[in-house]
Protein backbone atom coordinates (compact mmCIF):
# COMPACT_ATOMS: atom_id res chain seq x y z
CA MET A 1 112.81 89.78 145.47
CA VAL A 2 114.88 92.83 146.48
CA LYS A 3 115.71 91.27 149.83
CA ASP A 4 116.84 88.03 148.16
CA PHE A 5 119.00 89.95 145.67
CA VAL A 6 120.72 91.95 148.40
CA ALA A 7 121.47 88.77 150.31
CA VAL A 8 122.95 87.18 147.20
CA VAL A 9 125.15 90.17 146.39
CA VAL A 10 126.49 90.40 149.93
CA GLY A 11 127.24 86.69 149.93
CA ILE A 12 129.09 86.98 146.66
CA ALA A 13 131.05 89.98 147.88
CA LEU A 14 132.29 88.04 150.86
CA ALA A 15 133.66 85.20 148.79
CA VAL A 16 135.13 87.31 146.00
CA LEU A 17 137.20 89.50 148.28
CA VAL A 18 138.83 86.55 150.00
CA LEU A 19 139.52 84.87 146.69
CA GLY A 20 141.57 87.90 145.66
CA GLN A 21 139.69 88.41 142.42
CA MET A 22 137.96 91.54 141.28
CA CYS A 23 136.73 93.28 144.39
CA LEU A 24 133.25 94.57 144.93
CA PRO A 25 132.51 97.93 146.49
CA LEU A 26 130.64 96.46 149.42
CA PRO A 27 131.89 96.00 152.98
CA ALA A 28 132.72 92.34 153.18
CA GLN A 29 133.14 89.60 155.74
CA PRO A 30 135.13 86.92 153.92
CA GLN A 31 133.92 83.40 154.53
CA SER A 32 136.90 81.18 155.17
CA PRO A 33 137.38 77.98 157.14
CA PRO A 34 138.50 78.78 160.70
CA ARG A 35 141.89 77.66 161.82
CA PRO A 36 141.77 75.14 164.68
CA ARG A 37 143.90 77.30 166.96
CA GLN A 38 141.23 80.01 167.27
CA ALA A 39 137.49 80.36 167.61
CA THR A 40 135.42 81.25 164.57
CA THR A 41 134.07 84.44 166.07
CA GLU A 42 135.44 87.40 167.95
CA ASP A 43 133.31 89.88 169.84
CA ARG A 44 136.08 91.64 171.70
CA THR A 45 136.09 95.38 172.21
CA LEU A 46 138.89 97.22 170.43
CA ASP A 47 141.05 99.25 172.77
CA SER A 48 143.49 101.98 171.76
CA ALA A 49 146.38 99.52 171.48
CA ALA A 50 144.44 97.28 169.11
CA ARG A 51 143.34 100.21 166.97
CA HIS A 52 146.90 101.51 166.85
CA ARG A 53 148.22 98.14 165.72
CA ILE A 54 145.63 97.92 162.93
CA ILE A 55 146.39 101.45 161.74
CA LEU A 56 150.11 100.78 161.62
CA LYS A 57 149.62 97.57 159.64
CA ALA A 58 147.20 99.27 157.24
CA ARG A 59 149.73 102.05 156.69
CA GLU A 60 152.49 99.47 156.15
CA ASN A 61 150.37 97.60 153.59
CA LEU A 62 149.62 100.81 151.70
CA LYS A 63 153.28 101.78 151.65
CA GLN A 64 154.34 98.35 150.42
CA TYR A 65 151.63 97.61 147.85
CA TYR A 66 149.66 100.66 146.75
CA ILE A 67 150.32 101.68 143.16
CA ARG A 68 150.51 105.38 144.08
CA PRO A 69 153.41 105.69 146.57
CA ALA A 70 152.97 109.41 147.24
CA MET A 71 149.28 108.90 147.92
CA ALA A 72 150.06 105.92 150.15
CA GLN A 73 152.23 108.19 152.30
CA LYS A 74 149.51 110.83 152.39
CA ILE A 75 146.85 108.32 153.45
CA GLY A 76 149.10 106.84 156.13
CA ASP A 77 149.80 110.28 157.55
CA ALA A 78 146.08 111.04 157.60
CA LEU A 79 145.28 107.81 159.48
CA VAL A 80 147.87 108.63 162.12
CA ALA A 81 146.62 112.20 162.39
CA HIS A 82 143.06 110.99 162.95
CA GLU A 83 144.30 108.67 165.67
CA GLU A 84 146.31 111.39 167.38
CA ASN A 85 143.34 113.76 167.24
CA GLY A 86 141.18 111.20 169.02
CA ASP A 87 138.87 110.73 166.04
CA ASP A 88 138.93 106.95 166.51
CA ASP A 89 138.47 106.84 170.27
CA ALA A 90 134.72 106.24 170.31
CA THR A 91 134.91 103.34 167.87
CA THR A 92 135.37 100.10 169.75
CA ASP A 93 133.83 97.36 167.59
CA GLY A 94 135.42 95.82 164.53
CA ASP A 95 132.80 96.55 161.88
CA SER A 96 132.54 100.22 162.83
CA PHE A 97 136.30 100.65 162.97
CA ALA A 98 136.75 99.10 159.51
CA SER A 99 134.10 101.44 158.13
CA LEU A 100 135.71 104.44 159.81
CA LEU A 101 139.17 103.63 158.43
CA THR A 102 137.68 103.10 154.97
CA LYS A 103 136.06 106.53 155.13
CA GLN A 104 139.27 108.17 156.31
CA ILE A 105 141.23 106.49 153.50
CA ARG A 106 138.72 107.42 150.80
CA ASP A 107 138.42 111.00 152.04
CA VAL A 108 142.09 111.41 151.14
CA SER A 109 142.44 109.14 148.11
CA HIS A 110 138.98 109.27 146.50
CA ASP A 111 139.69 105.65 145.63
CA MET A 112 136.46 103.67 145.89
CA HIS A 113 138.24 100.32 146.06
CA LEU A 114 140.61 101.08 148.88
CA GLU A 115 138.75 99.41 151.69
CA VAL A 116 139.34 98.06 155.18
CA MET A 117 137.22 95.04 156.08
CA HIS A 118 136.41 93.24 159.30
CA THR A 119 135.14 89.71 159.80
CA ARG A 120 134.28 87.69 162.87
CA ARG A 121 135.61 84.63 161.12
CA VAL A 122 139.34 84.05 161.16
CA LEU A 123 140.91 85.20 157.91
CA PRO A 124 143.05 82.68 156.01
CA ASP A 125 146.76 83.08 156.60
CA ARG A 126 147.93 83.23 152.99
CA GLN A 127 150.09 85.42 150.79
CA PRO A 128 148.53 87.98 148.42
CA GLY A 129 148.13 86.71 144.89
CA THR A 130 147.60 83.08 145.84
CA SER A 131 144.29 81.53 144.86
CA PRO A 132 142.66 79.22 147.38
CA GLU A 133 139.98 76.80 146.37
CA ILE A 134 136.57 78.33 145.79
CA PRO A 135 134.41 77.75 148.89
CA GLU A 136 131.65 75.23 148.31
CA SER A 137 129.15 77.68 149.79
CA PHE A 138 130.03 80.19 147.08
CA ARG A 139 129.75 77.55 144.37
CA GLN A 140 126.33 76.48 145.59
CA GLU A 141 125.10 80.07 145.84
CA MET A 142 126.19 80.71 142.28
CA LEU A 143 124.35 77.67 140.99
CA ARG A 144 121.27 78.45 143.07
CA THR A 145 121.02 81.91 141.51
CA ASN A 146 121.74 80.73 137.95
CA CYS A 147 125.11 82.46 138.28
CA MET A 148 123.30 85.83 138.52
CA PHE A 149 121.94 85.56 134.99
CA GLU A 150 118.58 86.84 136.16
CA LYS A 151 116.78 86.95 132.83
CA VAL A 152 117.50 85.91 129.23
CA GLU A 153 114.68 86.45 126.77
CA ILE A 154 113.70 87.58 123.32
CA LEU A 155 111.74 90.84 123.35
CA PRO A 156 109.38 91.93 120.56
CA HIS A 157 111.00 92.62 117.17
CA ASN A 158 113.67 89.97 117.88
CA ILE A 159 115.58 92.10 120.38
CA GLY A 160 117.63 90.03 122.82
CA TYR A 161 117.61 90.93 126.50
CA LEU A 162 120.13 89.75 129.11
CA LYS A 163 119.88 90.93 132.72
CA LEU A 164 123.14 90.07 134.44
CA ASN A 165 123.69 91.09 138.07
CA PHE A 166 127.26 89.81 138.46
CA PHE A 167 130.05 88.56 136.18
CA PRO A 168 130.46 85.10 137.74
CA GLU A 169 133.46 82.80 138.08
CA LEU A 170 133.84 80.83 134.86
CA SER A 171 135.06 77.66 136.54
CA ILE A 172 131.55 77.42 138.00
CA CYS A 173 129.43 79.26 135.48
CA ARG A 174 130.93 78.87 132.01
CA SER A 175 128.19 76.54 130.78
CA ILE A 176 125.45 78.84 132.05
CA ALA A 177 127.09 81.89 130.47
CA THR A 178 127.58 80.05 127.18
CA ALA A 179 123.98 78.87 127.16
CA ALA A 180 122.73 82.41 127.81
CA MET A 181 124.70 83.80 124.88
CA ALA A 182 123.65 80.90 122.65
CA ARG A 183 120.00 81.61 123.34
CA LEU A 184 120.52 85.16 122.02
CA ASN A 185 122.60 84.12 119.03
CA ASN A 186 119.99 84.86 116.38
CA VAL A 187 118.62 88.17 117.66
CA ASP A 188 118.77 91.34 115.55
CA ALA A 189 119.90 93.54 118.46
CA ILE A 190 120.91 92.86 122.06
CA ILE A 191 120.37 94.71 125.34
CA PHE A 192 122.64 94.00 128.33
CA ASP A 193 120.96 95.10 131.55
CA LEU A 194 123.71 95.93 134.06
CA ARG A 195 121.67 98.29 136.22
CA ASP A 196 122.03 95.99 139.25
CA ASN A 197 125.44 94.58 138.38
CA ARG A 198 127.98 95.20 141.14
CA GLY A 199 131.05 93.73 139.47
CA GLY A 200 132.65 90.31 139.20
CA TYR A 201 135.43 88.46 137.46
CA PRO A 202 137.36 90.05 134.56
CA ASP A 203 137.64 86.72 132.73
CA THR A 204 133.87 86.64 132.45
CA VAL A 205 133.75 90.23 131.24
CA MET A 206 136.17 89.24 128.49
CA MET A 207 134.28 86.05 127.67
CA ILE A 208 130.95 87.82 127.11
CA ALA A 209 132.54 90.75 125.28
CA ALA A 210 134.18 88.31 122.85
CA TYR A 211 130.78 87.58 121.31
CA LEU A 212 130.46 91.20 120.20
CA PHE A 213 133.50 91.31 117.89
CA ASP A 214 134.69 89.46 114.81
CA HIS A 215 138.34 89.99 115.75
CA PRO A 216 140.31 90.35 119.00
CA GLU A 217 139.77 93.70 120.76
CA TYR A 218 141.72 95.23 123.62
CA MET A 219 139.69 95.67 126.81
CA TYR A 220 141.34 98.09 129.22
CA ASN A 221 141.15 96.97 132.85
CA PRO A 222 142.73 99.02 135.65
CA ARG A 223 142.66 95.87 137.80
CA GLU A 224 145.30 94.13 135.70
CA THR A 225 148.59 94.91 134.04
CA THR A 226 148.20 94.75 130.26
CA THR A 227 149.01 91.24 128.93
CA PRO A 228 147.92 89.10 125.93
CA GLN A 229 144.88 88.19 128.07
CA SER A 230 143.72 91.80 127.73
CA TRP A 231 142.34 91.03 124.26
CA THR A 232 139.04 89.28 123.65
CA ARG A 233 139.11 85.75 122.24
CA SER A 234 137.13 86.85 119.19
CA PRO A 235 135.73 85.59 116.93
CA VAL A 236 133.60 83.07 118.80
CA ARG A 237 132.76 80.00 116.77
CA ARG A 238 129.26 79.94 115.26
CA ASN A 239 128.47 83.31 116.81
CA ASN A 240 126.11 85.71 115.00
CA LEU A 241 126.28 88.67 117.39
CA ALA A 242 129.49 90.36 116.24
CA ASP A 243 127.71 92.83 113.96
CA LYS A 244 124.44 93.32 115.84
CA PRO A 245 123.50 96.62 117.57
CA VAL A 246 124.31 96.55 121.29
CA TYR A 247 122.75 98.56 124.12
CA VAL A 248 123.97 98.53 127.72
CA LEU A 249 121.69 99.67 130.54
CA THR A 250 123.47 101.41 133.41
CA SER A 251 122.63 102.99 136.74
CA ALA A 252 124.42 104.53 139.70
CA ARG A 253 124.50 100.96 141.09
CA THR A 254 126.56 99.69 138.15
CA PHE A 255 130.03 99.04 139.56
CA SER A 256 133.48 97.62 138.94
CA GLY A 257 133.41 94.71 136.45
CA ALA A 258 130.20 96.06 134.95
CA GLU A 259 132.01 99.37 134.39
CA HIS A 260 134.91 97.50 132.81
CA PHE A 261 132.43 96.04 130.32
CA SER A 262 130.51 99.30 129.75
CA TYR A 263 133.51 101.61 129.45
CA ASN A 264 135.31 99.54 126.85
CA LEU A 265 132.25 98.94 124.69
CA LYS A 266 131.57 102.67 124.76
CA MET A 267 135.16 103.61 123.90
CA LEU A 268 135.23 101.05 121.11
CA LYS A 269 131.94 102.48 119.81
CA ARG A 270 130.50 99.00 119.97
CA ALA A 271 127.57 99.78 122.27
CA THR A 272 125.20 102.58 123.17
CA LEU A 273 124.99 103.12 126.93
CA VAL A 274 121.50 103.99 128.15
CA GLY A 275 120.65 105.12 131.67
CA GLU A 276 122.65 106.81 134.41
CA THR A 277 126.32 107.46 135.07
CA THR A 278 127.82 104.39 136.73
CA GLY A 279 129.12 104.23 140.29
CA GLY A 280 132.78 105.01 139.60
CA ALA A 281 134.61 102.07 141.21
CA THR A 282 137.86 101.45 139.36
CA ASP A 283 140.85 101.20 141.68
CA VAL A 284 140.15 97.60 142.49
CA GLY A 285 142.80 95.70 144.32
CA THR A 286 144.29 92.67 145.95
CA PHE A 287 143.14 91.55 149.38
CA HIS A 288 145.81 91.96 152.07
CA ARG A 289 145.50 90.52 155.53
CA ILE A 290 146.04 92.86 158.48
CA ASP A 291 145.41 90.33 161.26
CA ASP A 292 143.05 87.48 162.05
CA HIS A 293 139.97 89.65 161.65
CA PHE A 294 140.95 92.69 159.56
CA GLY A 295 142.06 92.97 155.96
CA MET A 296 142.15 95.53 153.19
CA SER A 297 141.85 95.84 149.42
CA ILE A 298 144.76 97.61 147.69
CA ARG A 299 145.35 98.28 144.00
CA GLU A 300 148.75 97.07 142.81
CA THR A 301 148.69 97.09 139.01
CA ARG A 302 148.03 99.48 136.14
CA GLY A 303 146.71 98.64 132.71
CA ILE A 304 147.42 100.71 129.59
CA ASN A 305 144.49 102.96 128.75
CA PRO A 306 144.60 103.87 125.03
CA TYR A 307 141.55 106.13 125.17
CA SER A 308 141.47 109.91 125.49
CA GLU A 309 138.54 109.86 127.89
CA PRO A 310 139.64 108.98 131.44
CA ASP A 311 138.43 105.74 132.91
CA TRP A 312 135.57 105.48 135.38
CA ALA A 313 137.49 106.17 138.60
CA VAL A 314 135.22 108.15 140.94
CA THR A 315 133.36 109.87 138.07
CA GLY A 316 131.85 106.72 136.56
CA VAL A 317 131.01 105.90 132.94
CA ARG A 318 128.63 108.41 131.40
CA ALA A 319 125.68 107.08 129.48
CA ASP A 320 125.34 108.03 125.82
CA VAL A 321 121.59 108.40 126.28
CA LYS A 322 120.90 109.83 129.72
CA VAL A 323 117.62 108.73 131.30
CA LYS A 324 116.56 107.55 134.73
CA ALA A 325 117.58 103.95 135.37
CA ALA A 326 113.93 102.94 135.64
CA ASP A 327 113.32 104.19 132.08
CA ALA A 328 116.46 102.72 130.52
CA LEU A 329 114.98 99.47 129.21
CA ALA A 330 112.04 101.11 127.46
CA THR A 331 114.36 103.73 126.00
CA ALA A 332 116.82 101.12 124.73
CA GLN A 333 114.01 99.14 123.14
CA LYS A 334 112.87 102.22 121.23
CA LEU A 335 116.42 102.93 120.12
CA ALA A 336 116.89 99.37 118.96
CA GLN A 337 113.60 99.42 117.07
CA GLY A 338 114.67 102.64 115.36
CA THR A 339 118.00 101.13 114.37
CA LEU A 340 116.23 98.05 113.00
CA GLY A 341 113.77 100.17 111.06
CA VAL A 342 110.75 99.04 113.07
CA LYS A 343 107.82 101.45 112.88
């Protein structure tokens, strides 16, 4: 089960990063159709000239796109300094070099979503911000895994339980997401289990959150500039969940889109978070190509945060009720029973 889940998450991460949607905090190898002019794999050894070229392009991308210009300069200087000090000399394969550059970047920026990625497949030659068609392999994987809706059930005392391991693409998964929420429509309280949720698409975060309000609510997202789409499409027709107690289970593995969901519900006092502090991945970004086999994720936008408590960058979202992740479900059930007056 664990092995299958890891394989699914990695597969999803690969597709999401290339699609330019909300990034996941996993090293990724985007799956894209190879261009006829080149082979689909590359096993070449990186020499100093190749490493230098990649560093310069990464620095150029940061300078051009990163939302924090002063930090972009600082990161670029650090990458060059590492190169000049010989810190990169022993790294000659693509995966290891991408991981090394990511570490060097994060050591300076503390930005969990600044990431350099390497793939043996040829990366698509497209401009940032464009949206290619969703790969059929990704679509099939989503459907095979029920769009990562792992479990939807009614627990004792009419408490709804939804274990969601990814916020999936709505063009593929809207009907599955709608069916999951419909099944829980008549519960007296609801528990969202995001302990294994590594992120996903902001549209899906907004779609599920809409069920929890009887009026539009602003959902801060550092991934996007604030627009009319930053408000939930509440109320949802024939929905009975807008006034029901909500509990969100979190762990140190809860990342990105799951933190978007958790943070806003906590700040809006709409949910009680139970479990561990989340992973702290907020500075999500747009995928930028470096060359045929290297790319990087860079944050370009800033949403308006109306809350006094800082967002989840690096530090994560703190649970309201702090328990080990393994104990979070049982704890939330007891809390819900207490709220419902169950003895």
